[in-house]
Amino acid sequence: MGRLDGKVALVTGAASGLGLATVERFTQEGAKVLGIDVAAGSAAGTDVLAVDVRDEAAVSAAVDEVVARHGRLDVVCNFAGVAGGGPVHLVDADDWDRVLAVNLKGTFLVCKHALRPMLEQRSGSIVNVASVEGLQGTEGGSSYNASKAGVVMLTKNMAIDYGRAGIRVNAICPGFIDTPMFRAVMGSDHMSKFRDEYRDDHMLGRFGRPDEIAAAALFLASDDASFVTGHALAVDGGYLAGTRTGLSDLMGI
């Protein structure tokens, strides 16, 4: 028996990375899943509709499609996102708008329309994807960090607003996860030399895997998290745990 048997889920950013891993895990756990991404296709045998999360009409239509196919909507996972940033005085205003529009406004729009069937049902679980960089600043993070911090606070406010309607809202704050977007950023000439430093900042000494984020999404989406709402769950290999100085080497650890 799967942990999501009988559940209907909508996953954004479903074509690759964290979204794809979550589609695969949710399907294995018995959910009926519809994915959306900027390009149509399929993922793990699941339909992926071409939807730009910045397009409110397209987002609304995707939610309507889920309900038309399956009669309800139980779970939403917001993985659609883009990278961006830089020191503020060098950030182009159009690029700032792009990052905030996809990462924060896109999450808002998907939540807004997913809440329509969830409020009718008086049940549902929304899992937003923020970042450790939405909880703690990083050099040059600016627009990306601001967008993800906004997702964290949006999550908390939604948990307050909709908890008594039986709708739980949580966020996952991943550490640095080995995805196509991560490789594109870390593989660039000006970032590749910092890759090892970022890896070592995770107390487990490695980057995360997409399936590890999918496992956290499964927990938050499932009835195992029935008393969890308004929480920003760091899944970060100890990135936010504190500072490592090398003293443990002297202790023989």
Protein backbone atom coordinates (compact mmCIF):
# COMPACT_ATOMS: atom_id res chain seq x y z
CA MET A 1 0.00 0.00 0.00
CA GLY A 2 1.41 3.39 -1.00
CA ARG A 3 1.49 6.39 1.26
CA LEU A 4 -0.43 8.45 -1.31
CA ASP A 5 -2.97 5.86 -2.46
CA GLY A 6 -6.11 7.60 -3.67
CA LYS A 7 -4.48 11.04 -3.66
CA VAL A 8 -4.36 13.41 -6.62
CA ALA A 9 -1.27 15.61 -6.96
CA LEU A 10 -0.13 18.53 -9.10
CA VAL A 11 3.64 19.01 -9.38
CA THR A 12 5.22 22.06 -10.99
CA GLY A 13 8.68 22.01 -12.55
CA ALA A 14 7.91 18.37 -13.27
CA ALA A 15 10.15 17.82 -16.30
CA SER A 16 13.51 17.67 -14.51
CA GLY A 17 15.40 17.84 -11.24
CA LEU A 18 13.45 17.95 -8.00
CA GLY A 19 10.06 18.06 -9.69
CA LEU A 20 10.77 14.98 -11.79
CA ALA A 21 12.09 13.05 -8.79
CA THR A 22 8.93 13.94 -6.89
CA VAL A 23 6.64 12.87 -9.74
CA GLU A 24 8.44 9.53 -9.77
CA ARG A 25 8.19 9.04 -6.00
CA PHE A 26 4.55 10.15 -5.78
CA THR A 27 3.61 7.78 -8.60
CA GLN A 28 5.38 4.91 -6.86
CA GLU A 29 3.42 5.74 -3.70
CA GLY A 30 0.07 5.45 -5.47
CA ALA A 31 -0.80 9.06 -6.34
CA LYS A 32 -2.41 10.17 -9.57
CA VAL A 33 -0.09 12.95 -10.71
CA LEU A 34 -0.33 15.72 -13.28
CA GLY A 35 2.83 17.70 -13.95
CA ILE A 36 3.32 21.17 -15.36
CA ASP A 37 6.49 22.71 -16.76
CA VAL A 38 7.43 25.31 -19.35
CA ALA A 39 7.58 22.53 -21.96
CA ALA A 40 5.02 19.77 -22.46
CA GLY A 41 6.01 16.12 -22.30
CA SER A 42 5.86 13.27 -19.86
CA ALA A 43 7.66 12.29 -16.68
CA ALA A 44 7.61 8.81 -15.19
CA GLY A 45 4.59 8.04 -17.35
CA THR A 46 2.81 11.17 -16.12
CA ASP A 47 1.49 13.88 -18.40
CA VAL A 48 3.35 17.18 -18.18
CA LEU A 49 1.36 20.16 -19.46
CA ALA A 50 3.12 23.18 -20.95
CA VAL A 51 2.44 25.90 -18.38
CA ASP A 52 4.44 28.98 -17.42
CA VAL A 53 3.69 29.52 -13.74
CA ARG A 54 3.76 33.29 -14.35
CA ASP A 55 0.66 32.94 -16.55
CA GLU A 56 -2.35 33.03 -14.25
CA ALA A 57 -4.84 31.88 -16.90
CA ALA A 58 -2.67 28.88 -17.78
CA VAL A 59 -2.19 27.98 -14.11
CA SER A 60 -5.94 28.18 -13.49
CA ALA A 61 -6.61 25.98 -16.52
CA ALA A 62 -4.08 23.39 -15.30
CA VAL A 63 -5.84 23.15 -11.94
CA ASP A 64 -9.17 22.80 -13.72
CA GLU A 65 -7.66 20.01 -15.84
CA VAL A 66 -6.55 18.07 -12.77
CA VAL A 67 -10.01 18.31 -11.24
CA ALA A 68 -11.69 17.42 -14.54
CA ARG A 69 -9.57 14.28 -14.83
CA HIS A 70 -9.68 13.09 -11.24
CA GLY A 71 -12.46 14.94 -9.45
CA ARG A 72 -10.32 16.49 -6.75
CA LEU A 73 -6.88 17.89 -5.85
CA ASP A 74 -5.18 16.69 -2.68
CA VAL A 75 -1.53 17.69 -3.01
CA VAL A 76 0.39 20.49 -4.71
CA CYS A 77 4.18 20.67 -4.89
CA ASN A 78 5.72 23.88 -6.22
CA PHE A 79 9.12 23.05 -7.69
CA ALA A 80 9.17 25.47 -10.64
CA GLY A 81 12.06 27.87 -10.17
CA VAL A 82 14.94 29.70 -11.77
CA ALA A 83 18.36 30.84 -10.61
CA GLY A 84 19.61 34.40 -10.52
CA GLY A 85 21.28 37.00 -8.37
CA GLY A 86 24.41 39.03 -7.96
CA PRO A 87 25.31 42.04 -5.83
CA VAL A 88 22.35 44.40 -5.88
CA HIS A 89 24.09 47.28 -7.64
CA LEU A 90 24.83 44.97 -10.58
CA VAL A 91 21.46 43.22 -10.84
CA ASP A 92 19.46 44.15 -13.91
CA ALA A 93 15.90 45.14 -12.97
CA ASP A 94 14.41 42.87 -15.63
CA ASP A 95 16.34 39.89 -14.28
CA TRP A 96 15.20 40.73 -10.74
CA ASP A 97 11.61 40.71 -12.00
CA ARG A 98 12.15 37.38 -13.79
CA VAL A 99 13.44 35.60 -10.68
CA LEU A 100 10.75 36.99 -8.40
CA ALA A 101 8.03 36.31 -10.98
CA VAL A 102 8.87 32.62 -11.35
CA ASN A 103 9.98 31.73 -7.82
CA LEU A 104 7.58 33.79 -5.73
CA LYS A 105 4.71 34.99 -7.90
CA GLY A 106 4.54 31.62 -9.64
CA THR A 107 4.23 29.86 -6.30
CA PHE A 108 1.53 32.33 -5.26
CA LEU A 109 -0.47 31.79 -8.47
CA VAL A 110 -0.36 28.00 -8.25
CA CYS A 111 -1.39 28.11 -4.59
CA LYS A 112 -4.16 30.63 -5.32
CA HIS A 113 -5.85 28.40 -7.85
CA ALA A 114 -5.12 25.09 -6.12
CA LEU A 115 -6.94 26.45 -3.09
CA ARG A 116 -10.23 26.56 -5.03
CA PRO A 117 -10.82 22.77 -5.01
CA MET A 118 -9.06 22.32 -1.67
CA LEU A 119 -11.42 24.77 0.02
CA GLU A 120 -14.39 22.93 -1.44
CA GLN A 121 -13.00 19.64 -0.16
CA ARG A 122 -11.91 21.15 3.18
CA SER A 123 -8.65 19.26 2.84
CA GLY A 124 -5.29 19.40 1.10
CA SER A 125 -1.53 19.63 1.47
CA ILE A 126 0.59 22.26 -0.25
CA VAL A 127 4.36 21.84 -0.35
CA ASN A 128 6.27 24.92 -1.48
CA VAL A 129 9.94 24.74 -2.32
CA ALA A 130 12.11 27.48 -0.87
CA SER A 131 15.82 27.06 -0.10
CA VAL A 132 18.36 27.26 2.67
CA GLU A 133 19.08 30.57 0.94
CA GLY A 134 15.61 31.70 1.95
CA LEU A 135 16.59 31.14 5.59
CA GLN A 136 20.16 32.40 5.53
CA GLY A 137 21.88 34.84 3.22
CA THR A 138 24.66 33.94 0.83
CA GLU A 139 27.10 36.17 -1.02
CA GLY A 140 25.56 37.53 -4.20
CA GLY A 141 22.23 35.86 -3.52
CA SER A 142 20.04 38.97 -3.77
CA SER A 143 17.08 38.18 -6.05
CA TYR A 144 17.11 34.40 -5.59
CA ASN A 145 17.39 34.62 -1.81
CA ALA A 146 14.72 37.30 -1.63
CA SER A 147 12.35 35.18 -3.70
CA LYS A 148 12.89 32.10 -1.54
CA ALA A 149 12.57 34.04 1.72
CA GLY A 150 9.27 35.30 0.33
CA VAL A 151 8.17 31.71 -0.28
CA VAL A 152 8.93 30.83 3.35
CA MET A 153 6.81 33.69 4.69
CA LEU A 154 4.03 33.07 2.17
CA THR A 155 3.96 29.47 3.40
CA LYS A 156 3.60 30.52 7.02
CA ASN A 157 0.82 32.98 6.25
CA MET A 158 -1.09 30.40 4.22
CA ALA A 159 -0.79 27.90 7.07
CA ILE A 160 -2.42 30.48 9.35
CA ASP A 161 -5.16 31.35 6.88
CA TYR A 162 -6.18 27.86 5.79
CA GLY A 163 -5.39 25.55 8.68
CA ARG A 164 -8.96 25.48 9.99
CA ALA A 165 -10.15 24.57 6.50
CA GLY A 166 -8.12 21.36 6.78
CA ILE A 167 -5.38 22.56 4.43
CA ARG A 168 -1.77 22.16 5.49
CA VAL A 169 0.96 24.34 3.94
CA ASN A 170 4.66 23.67 4.42
CA ALA A 171 7.93 24.50 2.70
CA ILE A 172 11.04 22.49 1.96
CA CYS A 173 14.32 24.39 2.15
CA PRO A 174 16.83 22.27 0.25
CA GLY A 175 20.55 22.63 0.59
CA PHE A 176 22.62 22.44 -2.58
CA ILE A 177 21.13 19.58 -4.60
CA ASP A 178 22.71 18.03 -7.69
CA THR A 179 20.17 19.01 -10.36
CA PRO A 180 20.51 20.33 -13.92
CA MET A 181 19.98 23.89 -12.66
CA PHE A 182 22.63 23.42 -9.97
CA ARG A 183 25.11 22.04 -12.49
CA ALA A 184 24.42 24.93 -14.86
CA VAL A 185 25.19 27.45 -12.11
CA MET A 186 28.13 25.65 -10.49
CA GLY A 187 29.59 24.67 -13.83
CA SER A 188 29.97 28.26 -14.97
CA ASP A 189 33.49 29.65 -15.11
CA HIS A 190 33.06 32.07 -12.22
CA MET A 191 31.40 29.53 -9.89
CA SER A 192 33.17 26.25 -10.55
CA LYS A 193 36.12 27.13 -8.31
CA PHE A 194 33.73 27.53 -5.34
CA ARG A 195 32.05 24.16 -5.85
CA ASP A 196 34.20 22.28 -3.31
CA GLU A 197 33.64 24.98 -0.69
CA TYR A 198 29.89 24.74 -1.06
CA ARG A 199 30.08 20.96 -0.81
CA ASP A 200 32.15 21.10 2.35
CA ASP A 201 29.72 23.54 3.96
CA HIS A 202 27.28 20.60 4.14
CA MET A 203 28.15 18.70 7.30
CA LEU A 204 27.58 15.39 5.51
CA GLY A 205 30.35 16.37 3.09
CA ARG A 206 28.32 16.04 -0.11
CA PHE A 207 25.60 17.64 -2.20
CA GLY A 208 22.07 16.31 -1.93
CA ARG A 209 20.20 14.13 -4.40
CA PRO A 210 16.81 14.95 -5.94
CA ASP A 211 15.29 11.77 -4.50
CA GLU A 212 16.14 13.00 -0.99
CA ILE A 213 14.02 16.11 -1.55
CA ALA A 214 11.26 13.97 -3.08
CA ALA A 215 11.26 11.89 0.10
CA ALA A 216 10.73 15.02 2.21
CA ALA A 217 7.94 16.14 -0.13
CA LEU A 218 6.31 12.73 0.27
CA PHE A 219 6.36 13.06 4.05
CA LEU A 220 4.83 16.54 4.02
CA ALA A 221 2.22 15.52 1.44
CA SER A 222 1.21 12.35 3.25
CA ASP A 223 -0.94 11.71 6.31
CA ASP A 224 2.28 11.02 8.23
CA ALA A 225 2.56 14.83 8.47
CA SER A 226 -1.07 15.34 9.50
CA PHE A 227 -0.07 17.66 12.39
CA VAL A 228 2.62 19.57 10.48
CA THR A 229 1.81 22.94 8.96
CA GLY A 230 3.54 26.30 8.64
CA HIS A 231 6.94 24.62 8.81
CA ALA A 232 10.03 25.38 6.72
CA LEU A 233 11.86 22.04 6.66
CA ALA A 234 15.58 22.31 5.95
CA VAL A 235 16.77 19.27 4.01
CA ASP A 236 20.32 20.40 3.75
CA GLY A 237 22.88 17.85 4.91
CA GLY A 238 23.63 20.06 7.91
CA TYR A 239 24.33 23.22 5.88
CA LEU A 240 22.53 25.40 8.42
CA ALA A 241 23.78 23.52 11.49
CA GLY A 242 26.64 25.89 12.17
CA THR A 243 30.32 26.42 11.46
CA ARG A 244 32.94 23.71 11.05
CA THR A 245 36.44 24.85 12.00
CA GLY A 246 38.39 21.58 11.80
CA LEU A 247 38.45 21.09 15.57
CA SER A 248 36.77 17.71 15.15
CA ASP A 249 39.90 16.55 13.31
CA LEU A 250 41.87 17.10 16.53
CA MET A 251 39.27 15.03 18.39
CA GLY A 252 39.79 12.13 16.03
CA ILE A 253 36.35 12.35 14.41
